[in-house]
Amino acid sequence: MNLASYGHCLRGVVSRELLRFVHQRSRFVAALVRPLVWLFVFAAGFRMALGVAMTEPYQTYVLYEVYIVPGLVGMIQLFNGMQSSLSMVYDREMGSMRVLLVSPFPRWYLLVSKLLAGTLVSIVQVYVFLAIAYLYGVQAPLAGYVLVLPALVVTGFMVGALGMLLSTFVRQLENFAGIMNFVIFPMFFLSSALYPLWRIREGSYLVYQIAALNPFTYAVEMIRFAMYERFHAVASSISLVTALVLLGLAILAYNPARGMMARKGGGGE
């Protein structure tokens, strides 16, 4: 196999995921409804009570809706990562996963291609949301919309790899929804997506400690700083390392010889 073969494989996996996304319009709408409800409804209600004092990367006091937009971007990617993993469980039950995993290409390459496809879908959703937020009046520097792209790629891979890892523990499609709820909501609400860490610390030191240990917190801060033309080295490093570790564990778990898939009888079950 040459580079052209790998490119053809990547194009096929990405095209399949994009076509699935295009045909599932309800998935696109649902991905936007959740963050838009927070932006239009909750943020308007909390604006006076939860105004955010001057803190990095902001140069002045900001309204609550300005603060939560990066967190809502993370929400879109988090839900999309789990949705992509749900499709992997479905493909495994239907048998199409076996066709993918028994191809002559390395298993790690196939899984990375799948992750890349899911990340691209989430980035499309994010930029549509940012465009709506821009028209609503929540506007970051124009350069920030370009600088945030690498942060979106890292975050997409991180949450996608987490979902892929979780999918190896699920035998039936019906069980995955429960696991998603136990992962998505604690990761999102126990982070800095909706409230600054210093405000969480004022309310509960225990919750603050949990949020400070939550990798999703650092992914949100990486996105937040990038949108405002700043680079957060600590958040970026932690997010990248977390993404690589989760990806490695997911690849190991999909290894039929050593991972969880071996205990389930292969990728087609």
C-alpha atoms as a PDB file:
ATOM      1  CA  MET A   1       0.000   0.000   0.000  1.00  0.00           C
ATOM      2  CA  ASN A   2       1.254   3.471  -0.858  1.00  0.00           C
ATOM      3  CA  LEU A   3       0.377   6.972   0.339  1.00  0.00           C
ATOM      4  CA  ALA A   4      -2.355   7.236  -2.282  1.00  0.00           C
ATOM      5  CA  SER A   5      -4.071   4.185  -0.768  1.00  0.00           C
ATOM      6  CA  TYR A   6      -3.951   5.744   2.697  1.00  0.00           C
ATOM      7  CA  GLY A   7      -5.325   8.979   1.298  1.00  0.00           C
ATOM      8  CA  HIS A   8      -8.149   7.126  -0.441  1.00  0.00           C
ATOM      9  CA  CYS A   9      -8.986   5.337   2.808  1.00  0.00           C
ATOM     10  CA  LEU A  10      -9.019   8.603   4.758  1.00  0.00           C
ATOM     11  CA  ARG A  11     -11.196  10.253   2.130  1.00  0.00           C
ATOM     12  CA  GLY A  12     -13.629   7.363   2.241  1.00  0.00           C
ATOM     13  CA  VAL A  13     -13.993   7.395   6.034  1.00  0.00           C
ATOM     14  CA  VAL A  14     -14.348  11.180   6.184  1.00  0.00           C
ATOM     15  CA  SER A  15     -16.812  11.266   3.265  1.00  0.00           C
ATOM     16  CA  ARG A  16     -18.972   8.590   4.890  1.00  0.00           C
ATOM     17  CA  GLU A  17     -19.146  10.544   8.148  1.00  0.00           C
ATOM     18  CA  LEU A  18     -19.901  13.820   6.386  1.00  0.00           C
ATOM     19  CA  LEU A  19     -22.636  12.210   4.273  1.00  0.00           C
ATOM     20  CA  ARG A  20     -24.161  10.699   7.384  1.00  0.00           C
ATOM     21  CA  PHE A  21     -24.124  14.137   8.990  1.00  0.00           C
ATOM     22  CA  VAL A  22     -25.721  15.793   5.946  1.00  0.00           C
ATOM     23  CA  HIS A  23     -28.491  13.200   5.789  1.00  0.00           C
ATOM     24  CA  GLN A  24     -29.208  13.477   9.522  1.00  0.00           C
ATOM     25  CA  ARG A  25     -30.414  17.079   9.592  1.00  0.00           C
ATOM     26  CA  SER A  26     -32.024  16.564  12.985  1.00  0.00           C
ATOM     27  CA  ARG A  27     -28.562  15.848  14.388  1.00  0.00           C
ATOM     28  CA  PHE A  28     -27.322  19.212  13.113  1.00  0.00           C
ATOM     29  CA  VAL A  29     -30.332  21.053  14.532  1.00  0.00           C
ATOM     30  CA  ALA A  30     -30.032  19.302  17.896  1.00  0.00           C
ATOM     31  CA  ALA A  31     -26.351  20.158  18.068  1.00  0.00           C
ATOM     32  CA  LEU A  32     -27.218  23.864  17.750  1.00  0.00           C
ATOM     33  CA  VAL A  33     -30.353  23.941  19.895  1.00  0.00           C
ATOM     34  CA  ARG A  34     -28.561  23.080  23.150  1.00  0.00           C
ATOM     35  CA  PRO A  35     -25.948  25.870  23.062  1.00  0.00           C
ATOM     36  CA  LEU A  36     -28.382  28.401  21.575  1.00  0.00           C
ATOM     37  CA  VAL A  37     -30.840  27.806  24.428  1.00  0.00           C
ATOM     38  CA  TRP A  38     -28.043  28.560  26.888  1.00  0.00           C
ATOM     39  CA  LEU A  39     -26.994  31.635  24.930  1.00  0.00           C
ATOM     40  CA  PHE A  40     -30.438  33.122  24.284  1.00  0.00           C
ATOM     41  CA  VAL A  41     -32.373  32.031  27.376  1.00  0.00           C
ATOM     42  CA  PHE A  42     -30.153  31.167  30.329  1.00  0.00           C
ATOM     43  CA  ALA A  43     -27.516  33.793  29.629  1.00  0.00           C
ATOM     44  CA  ALA A  44     -30.167  36.499  29.387  1.00  0.00           C
ATOM     45  CA  GLY A  45     -31.594  35.436  32.738  1.00  0.00           C
ATOM     46  CA  PHE A  46     -28.216  35.143  34.464  1.00  0.00           C
ATOM     47  CA  ARG A  47     -26.715  38.299  32.940  1.00  0.00           C
ATOM     48  CA  MET A  48     -27.267  40.542  35.951  1.00  0.00           C
ATOM     49  CA  ALA A  49     -26.556  37.925  38.598  1.00  0.00           C
ATOM     50  CA  LEU A  50     -23.516  36.335  36.971  1.00  0.00           C
ATOM     51  CA  GLY A  51     -21.612  39.131  35.308  1.00  0.00           C
ATOM     52  CA  VAL A  52     -17.953  38.116  35.101  1.00  0.00           C
ATOM     53  CA  ALA A  53     -15.319  40.410  36.578  1.00  0.00           C
ATOM     54  CA  MET A  54     -12.191  41.195  34.609  1.00  0.00           C
ATOM     55  CA  THR A  55     -10.166  38.021  34.194  1.00  0.00           C
ATOM     56  CA  GLU A  56      -7.867  36.587  31.554  1.00  0.00           C
ATOM     57  CA  PRO A  57      -8.090  36.560  28.587  1.00  0.00           C
ATOM     58  CA  TYR A  58     -10.607  39.396  28.732  1.00  0.00           C
ATOM     59  CA  GLN A  59      -9.351  42.963  28.974  1.00  0.00           C
ATOM     60  CA  THR A  60     -12.398  44.328  30.769  1.00  0.00           C
ATOM     61  CA  TYR A  61     -15.585  43.240  32.494  1.00  0.00           C
ATOM     62  CA  VAL A  62     -17.676  40.988  30.260  1.00  0.00           C
ATOM     63  CA  LEU A  63     -21.297  39.967  30.140  1.00  0.00           C
ATOM     64  CA  TYR A  64     -22.219  36.408  31.024  1.00  0.00           C
ATOM     65  CA  GLU A  65     -23.107  35.492  27.444  1.00  0.00           C
ATOM     66  CA  VAL A  66     -19.654  36.558  26.296  1.00  0.00           C
ATOM     67  CA  TYR A  67     -18.051  34.340  28.903  1.00  0.00           C
ATOM     68  CA  ILE A  68     -20.034  31.188  28.167  1.00  0.00           C
ATOM     69  CA  VAL A  69     -19.623  31.125  24.357  1.00  0.00           C
ATOM     70  CA  PRO A  70     -16.280  29.223  24.511  1.00  0.00           C
ATOM     71  CA  GLY A  71     -17.875  26.805  26.969  1.00  0.00           C
ATOM     72  CA  LEU A  72     -20.808  26.283  24.611  1.00  0.00           C
ATOM     73  CA  VAL A  73     -18.323  25.611  21.809  1.00  0.00           C
ATOM     74  CA  GLY A  74     -16.885  22.889  24.029  1.00  0.00           C
ATOM     75  CA  MET A  75     -20.411  21.598  24.622  1.00  0.00           C
ATOM     76  CA  ILE A  76     -20.955  21.194  20.884  1.00  0.00           C
ATOM     77  CA  GLN A  77     -17.746  19.221  20.511  1.00  0.00           C
ATOM     78  CA  LEU A  78     -18.434  17.124  23.596  1.00  0.00           C
ATOM     79  CA  PHE A  79     -21.886  16.077  22.438  1.00  0.00           C
ATOM     80  CA  ASN A  80     -20.684  15.492  18.887  1.00  0.00           C
ATOM     81  CA  GLY A  81     -17.814  13.307  20.113  1.00  0.00           C
ATOM     82  CA  MET A  82     -20.232  11.129  22.024  1.00  0.00           C
ATOM     83  CA  GLN A  83     -22.643  11.078  19.077  1.00  0.00           C
ATOM     84  CA  SER A  84     -19.874   9.849  16.780  1.00  0.00           C
ATOM     85  CA  SER A  85     -19.042   7.109  19.263  1.00  0.00           C
ATOM     86  CA  LEU A  86     -22.702   6.159  19.394  1.00  0.00           C
ATOM     87  CA  SER A  87     -22.545   5.635  15.634  1.00  0.00           C
ATOM     88  CA  MET A  88     -19.570   3.308  16.175  1.00  0.00           C
ATOM     89  CA  VAL A  89     -21.631   1.188  18.557  1.00  0.00           C
ATOM     90  CA  TYR A  90     -24.411   1.111  15.950  1.00  0.00           C
ATOM     91  CA  ASP A  91     -21.957   0.125  13.203  1.00  0.00           C
ATOM     92  CA  ARG A  92     -20.584  -2.625  15.414  1.00  0.00           C
ATOM     93  CA  GLU A  93     -24.053  -4.042  16.037  1.00  0.00           C
ATOM     94  CA  MET A  94     -24.941  -3.862  12.335  1.00  0.00           C
ATOM     95  CA  GLY A  95     -21.677  -5.551  11.344  1.00  0.00           C
ATOM     96  CA  SER A  96     -20.201  -2.724   9.259  1.00  0.00           C
ATOM     97  CA  MET A  97     -17.524  -2.148  11.893  1.00  0.00           C
ATOM     98  CA  ARG A  98     -16.080  -5.573  11.103  1.00  0.00           C
ATOM     99  CA  VAL A  99     -15.697  -4.565   7.437  1.00  0.00           C
ATOM    100  CA  LEU A 100     -13.781  -1.461   8.481  1.00  0.00           C
ATOM    101  CA  LEU A 101     -11.539  -3.077  11.065  1.00  0.00           C
ATOM    102  CA  VAL A 102     -10.524  -6.111   8.955  1.00  0.00           C
ATOM    103  CA  SER A 103      -9.259  -3.943   6.096  1.00  0.00           C
ATOM    104  CA  PRO A 104      -5.523  -4.164   5.334  1.00  0.00           C
ATOM    105  CA  PHE A 105      -4.911  -0.712   6.785  1.00  0.00           C
ATOM    106  CA  PRO A 106      -3.514  -0.422  10.322  1.00  0.00           C
ATOM    107  CA  ARG A 107      -6.207  -0.345  12.953  1.00  0.00           C
ATOM    108  CA  TRP A 108      -4.792   2.813  14.526  1.00  0.00           C
ATOM    109  CA  TYR A 109      -5.013   4.587  11.169  1.00  0.00           C
ATOM    110  CA  LEU A 110      -8.650   3.621  10.722  1.00  0.00           C
ATOM    111  CA  LEU A 111      -9.551   4.822  14.204  1.00  0.00           C
ATOM    112  CA  VAL A 112      -7.661   8.101  13.765  1.00  0.00           C
ATOM    113  CA  SER A 113      -9.440   8.610  10.436  1.00  0.00           C
ATOM    114  CA  LYS A 114     -12.767   8.041  12.180  1.00  0.00           C
ATOM    115  CA  LEU A 115     -11.799  10.553  14.864  1.00  0.00           C
ATOM    116  CA  LEU A 116     -10.723  13.097  12.267  1.00  0.00           C
ATOM    117  CA  ALA A 117     -14.039  12.738  10.460  1.00  0.00           C
ATOM    118  CA  GLY A 118     -15.996  13.305  13.678  1.00  0.00           C
ATOM    119  CA  THR A 119     -13.810  16.290  14.558  1.00  0.00           C
ATOM    120  CA  LEU A 120     -14.417  17.904  11.167  1.00  0.00           C
ATOM    121  CA  VAL A 121     -18.169  17.526  11.649  1.00  0.00           C
ATOM    122  CA  SER A 122     -17.971  19.159  15.079  1.00  0.00           C
ATOM    123  CA  ILE A 123     -15.889  22.055  13.703  1.00  0.00           C
ATOM    124  CA  VAL A 124     -18.553  22.751  11.068  1.00  0.00           C
ATOM    125  CA  GLN A 125     -21.173  22.867  13.821  1.00  0.00           C
ATOM    126  CA  VAL A 126     -18.977  25.143  15.948  1.00  0.00           C
ATOM    127  CA  TYR A 127     -18.469  27.723  13.224  1.00  0.00           C
ATOM    128  CA  VAL A 128     -22.192  27.823  12.443  1.00  0.00           C
ATOM    129  CA  PHE A 129     -22.836  28.460  16.143  1.00  0.00           C
ATOM    130  CA  LEU A 130     -20.139  31.143  16.287  1.00  0.00           C
ATOM    131  CA  ALA A 131     -21.685  32.850  13.265  1.00  0.00           C
ATOM    132  CA  ILE A 132     -25.072  32.957  15.026  1.00  0.00           C
ATOM    133  CA  ALA A 133     -23.436  34.227  18.220  1.00  0.00           C
ATOM    134  CA  TYR A 134     -21.636  36.913  16.181  1.00  0.00           C
ATOM    135  CA  LEU A 135     -24.942  38.120  14.733  1.00  0.00           C
ATOM    136  CA  TYR A 136     -26.401  38.054  18.257  1.00  0.00           C
ATOM    137  CA  GLY A 137     -23.675  40.444  19.389  1.00  0.00           C
ATOM    138  CA  VAL A 138     -21.136  38.129  21.031  1.00  0.00           C
ATOM    139  CA  GLN A 139     -18.127  38.977  18.919  1.00  0.00           C
ATOM    140  CA  ALA A 140     -14.530  37.897  19.395  1.00  0.00           C
ATOM    141  CA  PRO A 141     -11.628  39.436  17.436  1.00  0.00           C
ATOM    142  CA  LEU A 142     -11.797  38.307  13.816  1.00  0.00           C
ATOM    143  CA  ALA A 143      -8.347  36.728  14.025  1.00  0.00           C
ATOM    144  CA  GLY A 144      -9.576  34.650  16.949  1.00  0.00           C
ATOM    145  CA  TYR A 145     -11.952  32.727  14.721  1.00  0.00           C
ATOM    146  CA  VAL A 146      -8.932  31.464  12.786  1.00  0.00           C
ATOM    147  CA  LEU A 147      -6.605  31.017  15.752  1.00  0.00           C
ATOM    148  CA  VAL A 148      -9.173  28.881  17.548  1.00  0.00           C
ATOM    149  CA  LEU A 149      -9.074  26.201  14.826  1.00  0.00           C
ATOM    150  CA  PRO A 150      -6.115  24.213  16.288  1.00  0.00           C
ATOM    151  CA  ALA A 151      -7.802  24.287  19.697  1.00  0.00           C
ATOM    152  CA  LEU A 152     -10.976  22.898  18.134  1.00  0.00           C
ATOM    153  CA  VAL A 153      -9.004  20.085  16.500  1.00  0.00           C
ATOM    154  CA  VAL A 154      -7.344  19.113  19.794  1.00  0.00           C
ATOM    155  CA  THR A 155     -10.635  19.291  21.713  1.00  0.00           C
ATOM    156  CA  GLY A 156     -12.434  17.303  19.024  1.00  0.00           C
ATOM    157  CA  PHE A 157      -9.829  14.567  19.188  1.00  0.00           C
ATOM    158  CA  MET A 158      -9.888  14.539  22.989  1.00  0.00           C
ATOM    159  CA  VAL A 159     -13.646  14.131  23.425  1.00  0.00           C
ATOM    160  CA  GLY A 160     -13.868  11.870  20.370  1.00  0.00           C
ATOM    161  CA  ALA A 161     -11.179   9.564  21.744  1.00  0.00           C
ATOM    162  CA  LEU A 162     -12.985   9.493  25.096  1.00  0.00           C
ATOM    163  CA  GLY A 163     -16.218   8.485  23.399  1.00  0.00           C
ATOM    164  CA  MET A 164     -14.404   5.903  21.292  1.00  0.00           C
ATOM    165  CA  LEU A 165     -12.874   4.415  24.430  1.00  0.00           C
ATOM    166  CA  LEU A 166     -16.261   4.276  26.155  1.00  0.00           C
ATOM    167  CA  SER A 167     -17.803   2.574  23.114  1.00  0.00           C
ATOM    168  CA  THR A 168     -15.550  -0.451  23.680  1.00  0.00           C
ATOM    169  CA  PHE A 169     -17.247  -1.097  27.033  1.00  0.00           C
ATOM    170  CA  VAL A 170     -20.765  -1.121  25.584  1.00  0.00           C
ATOM    171  CA  ARG A 171     -22.246  -4.334  24.241  1.00  0.00           C
ATOM    172  CA  GLN A 172     -25.648  -2.951  23.217  1.00  0.00           C
ATOM    173  CA  LEU A 173     -26.710   0.329  21.664  1.00  0.00           C
ATOM    174  CA  GLU A 174     -29.324   0.944  24.355  1.00  0.00           C
ATOM    175  CA  ASN A 175     -26.709   0.992  27.114  1.00  0.00           C
ATOM    176  CA  PHE A 176     -24.607   3.717  25.534  1.00  0.00           C
ATOM    177  CA  ALA A 177     -27.108   6.504  26.241  1.00  0.00           C
ATOM    178  CA  GLY A 178     -26.823   5.897  29.970  1.00  0.00           C
ATOM    179  CA  ILE A 179     -23.050   5.974  29.869  1.00  0.00           C
ATOM    180  CA  MET A 180     -23.161   9.194  27.837  1.00  0.00           C
ATOM    181  CA  ASN A 181     -25.252  10.878  30.533  1.00  0.00           C
ATOM    182  CA  PHE A 182     -22.853   9.802  33.253  1.00  0.00           C
ATOM    183  CA  VAL A 183     -19.942  11.267  31.286  1.00  0.00           C
ATOM    184  CA  ILE A 184     -21.237  14.295  29.370  1.00  0.00           C
ATOM    185  CA  PHE A 185     -23.083  16.153  32.101  1.00  0.00           C
ATOM    186  CA  PRO A 186     -20.465  15.824  34.866  1.00  0.00           C
ATOM    187  CA  MET A 187     -17.698  16.785  32.414  1.00  0.00           C
ATOM    188  CA  PHE A 188     -19.612  19.835  31.230  1.00  0.00           C
ATOM    189  CA  PHE A 189     -21.110  21.164  34.446  1.00  0.00           C
ATOM    190  CA  LEU A 190     -18.050  20.409  36.600  1.00  0.00           C
ATOM    191  CA  SER A 191     -15.828  22.627  34.467  1.00  0.00           C
ATOM    192  CA  SER A 192     -15.219  26.295  33.727  1.00  0.00           C
ATOM    193  CA  ALA A 193     -17.604  26.181  30.752  1.00  0.00           C
ATOM    194  CA  LEU A 194     -20.387  28.078  32.544  1.00  0.00           C
ATOM    195  CA  TYR A 195     -18.624  29.699  35.498  1.00  0.00           C
ATOM    196  CA  PRO A 196     -15.055  30.872  36.168  1.00  0.00           C
ATOM    197  CA  LEU A 197     -13.055  28.669  38.499  1.00  0.00           C
ATOM    198  CA  TRP A 198     -12.699  31.465  41.036  1.00  0.00           C
ATOM    199  CA  ARG A 199     -16.468  31.800  41.283  1.00  0.00           C
ATOM    200  CA  ILE A 200     -16.850  28.029  41.663  1.00  0.00           C
ATOM    201  CA  ARG A 201     -14.265  28.139  44.443  1.00  0.00           C
ATOM    202  CA  GLU A 202     -16.310  30.767  46.282  1.00  0.00           C
ATOM    203  CA  GLY A 203     -19.331  28.492  46.192  1.00  0.00           C
ATOM    204  CA  SER A 204     -17.778  25.082  46.901  1.00  0.00           C
ATOM    205  CA  TYR A 205     -14.134  24.210  47.303  1.00  0.00           C
ATOM    206  CA  LEU A 206     -14.842  20.525  46.589  1.00  0.00           C
ATOM    207  CA  VAL A 207     -16.519  21.329  43.275  1.00  0.00           C
ATOM    208  CA  TYR A 208     -13.628  23.669  42.480  1.00  0.00           C
ATOM    209  CA  GLN A 209     -11.107  20.866  43.035  1.00  0.00           C
ATOM    210  CA  ILE A 210     -13.088  18.533  40.781  1.00  0.00           C
ATOM    211  CA  ALA A 211     -13.341  21.212  38.081  1.00  0.00           C
ATOM    212  CA  ALA A 212      -9.608  21.916  38.351  1.00  0.00           C
ATOM    213  CA  LEU A 213      -8.905  18.213  37.715  1.00  0.00           C
ATOM    214  CA  ASN A 214     -11.389  17.977  34.837  1.00  0.00           C
ATOM    215  CA  PRO A 215      -9.542  17.846  31.462  1.00  0.00           C
ATOM    216  CA  PHE A 216     -12.563  19.449  29.817  1.00  0.00           C
ATOM    217  CA  THR A 217     -11.894  22.608  31.869  1.00  0.00           C
ATOM    218  CA  TYR A 218      -8.525  22.992  30.168  1.00  0.00           C
ATOM    219  CA  ALA A 219     -10.006  22.325  26.735  1.00  0.00           C
ATOM    220  CA  VAL A 220     -12.532  25.128  27.317  1.00  0.00           C
ATOM    221  CA  GLU A 221      -9.819  27.505  28.539  1.00  0.00           C
ATOM    222  CA  MET A 222      -7.665  26.639  25.533  1.00  0.00           C
ATOM    223  CA  ILE A 223     -10.583  27.562  23.260  1.00  0.00           C
ATOM    224  CA  ARG A 224     -11.361  30.700  25.261  1.00  0.00           C
ATOM    225  CA  PHE A 225      -7.815  32.059  25.105  1.00  0.00           C
ATOM    226  CA  ALA A 226      -7.430  31.196  21.415  1.00  0.00           C
ATOM    227  CA  MET A 227     -10.626  33.043  20.535  1.00  0.00           C
ATOM    228  CA  TYR A 228      -9.172  36.179  22.114  1.00  0.00           C
ATOM    229  CA  GLU A 229      -5.764  35.837  20.437  1.00  0.00           C
ATOM    230  CA  ARG A 230      -4.010  34.430  23.480  1.00  0.00           C
ATOM    231  CA  PHE A 231      -2.176  31.154  24.000  1.00  0.00           C
ATOM    232  CA  HIS A 232      -2.695  29.242  27.233  1.00  0.00           C
ATOM    233  CA  ALA A 233       0.329  26.952  27.428  1.00  0.00           C
ATOM    234  CA  VAL A 234      -0.828  24.923  30.436  1.00  0.00           C
ATOM    235  CA  ALA A 235      -4.351  24.343  29.128  1.00  0.00           C
ATOM    236  CA  SER A 236      -3.066  23.477  25.660  1.00  0.00           C
ATOM    237  CA  SER A 237      -0.482  21.041  26.995  1.00  0.00           C
ATOM    238  CA  ILE A 238      -2.932  19.261  29.279  1.00  0.00           C
ATOM    239  CA  SER A 239      -5.548  19.026  26.528  1.00  0.00           C
ATOM    240  CA  LEU A 240      -3.055  17.665  24.007  1.00  0.00           C
ATOM    241  CA  VAL A 241      -1.606  15.101  26.422  1.00  0.00           C
ATOM    242  CA  THR A 242      -5.110  14.015  27.465  1.00  0.00           C
ATOM    243  CA  ALA A 243      -6.115  13.603  23.824  1.00  0.00           C
ATOM    244  CA  LEU A 244      -3.034  11.469  23.091  1.00  0.00           C
ATOM    245  CA  VAL A 245      -3.535   9.295  26.174  1.00  0.00           C
ATOM    246  CA  LEU A 246      -7.221   8.711  25.429  1.00  0.00           C
ATOM    247  CA  LEU A 247      -6.416   7.986  21.793  1.00  0.00           C
ATOM    248  CA  GLY A 248      -3.776   5.456  22.815  1.00  0.00           C
ATOM    249  CA  LEU A 249      -6.189   3.753  25.210  1.00  0.00           C
ATOM    250  CA  ALA A 250      -8.919   3.663  22.549  1.00  0.00           C
ATOM    251  CA  ILE A 251      -6.570   2.099  20.004  1.00  0.00           C
ATOM    252  CA  LEU A 252      -5.468  -0.462  22.581  1.00  0.00           C
ATOM    253  CA  ALA A 253      -9.074  -1.211  23.514  1.00  0.00           C
ATOM    254  CA  TYR A 254      -9.956  -1.852  19.851  1.00  0.00           C
ATOM    255  CA  ASN A 255      -7.021  -4.242  19.514  1.00  0.00           C
ATOM    256  CA  PRO A 256      -8.673  -7.683  19.180  1.00  0.00           C
ATOM    257  CA  ALA A 257      -5.698  -9.375  20.808  1.00  0.00           C
ATOM    258  CA  ARG A 258      -5.376  -7.257  23.964  1.00  0.00           C
ATOM    259  CA  GLY A 259      -8.213  -4.747  24.308  1.00  0.00           C
ATOM    260  CA  MET A 260     -11.848  -4.814  25.341  1.00  0.00           C
ATOM    261  CA  MET A 261     -12.916  -5.875  21.873  1.00  0.00           C
ATOM    262  CA  ALA A 262     -11.171  -9.194  22.435  1.00  0.00           C
ATOM    263  CA  ARG A 263     -13.549  -9.912  25.300  1.00  0.00           C
ATOM    264  CA  LYS A 264     -16.518  -9.164  23.070  1.00  0.00           C
ATOM    265  CA  GLY A 265     -15.557 -11.455  20.258  1.00  0.00           C
ATOM    266  CA  GLY A 266     -14.270  -8.850  17.768  1.00  0.00           C
ATOM    267  CA  GLY A 267     -15.477  -5.696  16.129  1.00  0.00           C
ATOM    268  CA  GLY A 268     -18.582  -7.129  14.537  1.00  0.00           C
ATOM    269  CA  GLU A 269     -20.439  -7.928  17.714  1.00  0.00           C
END
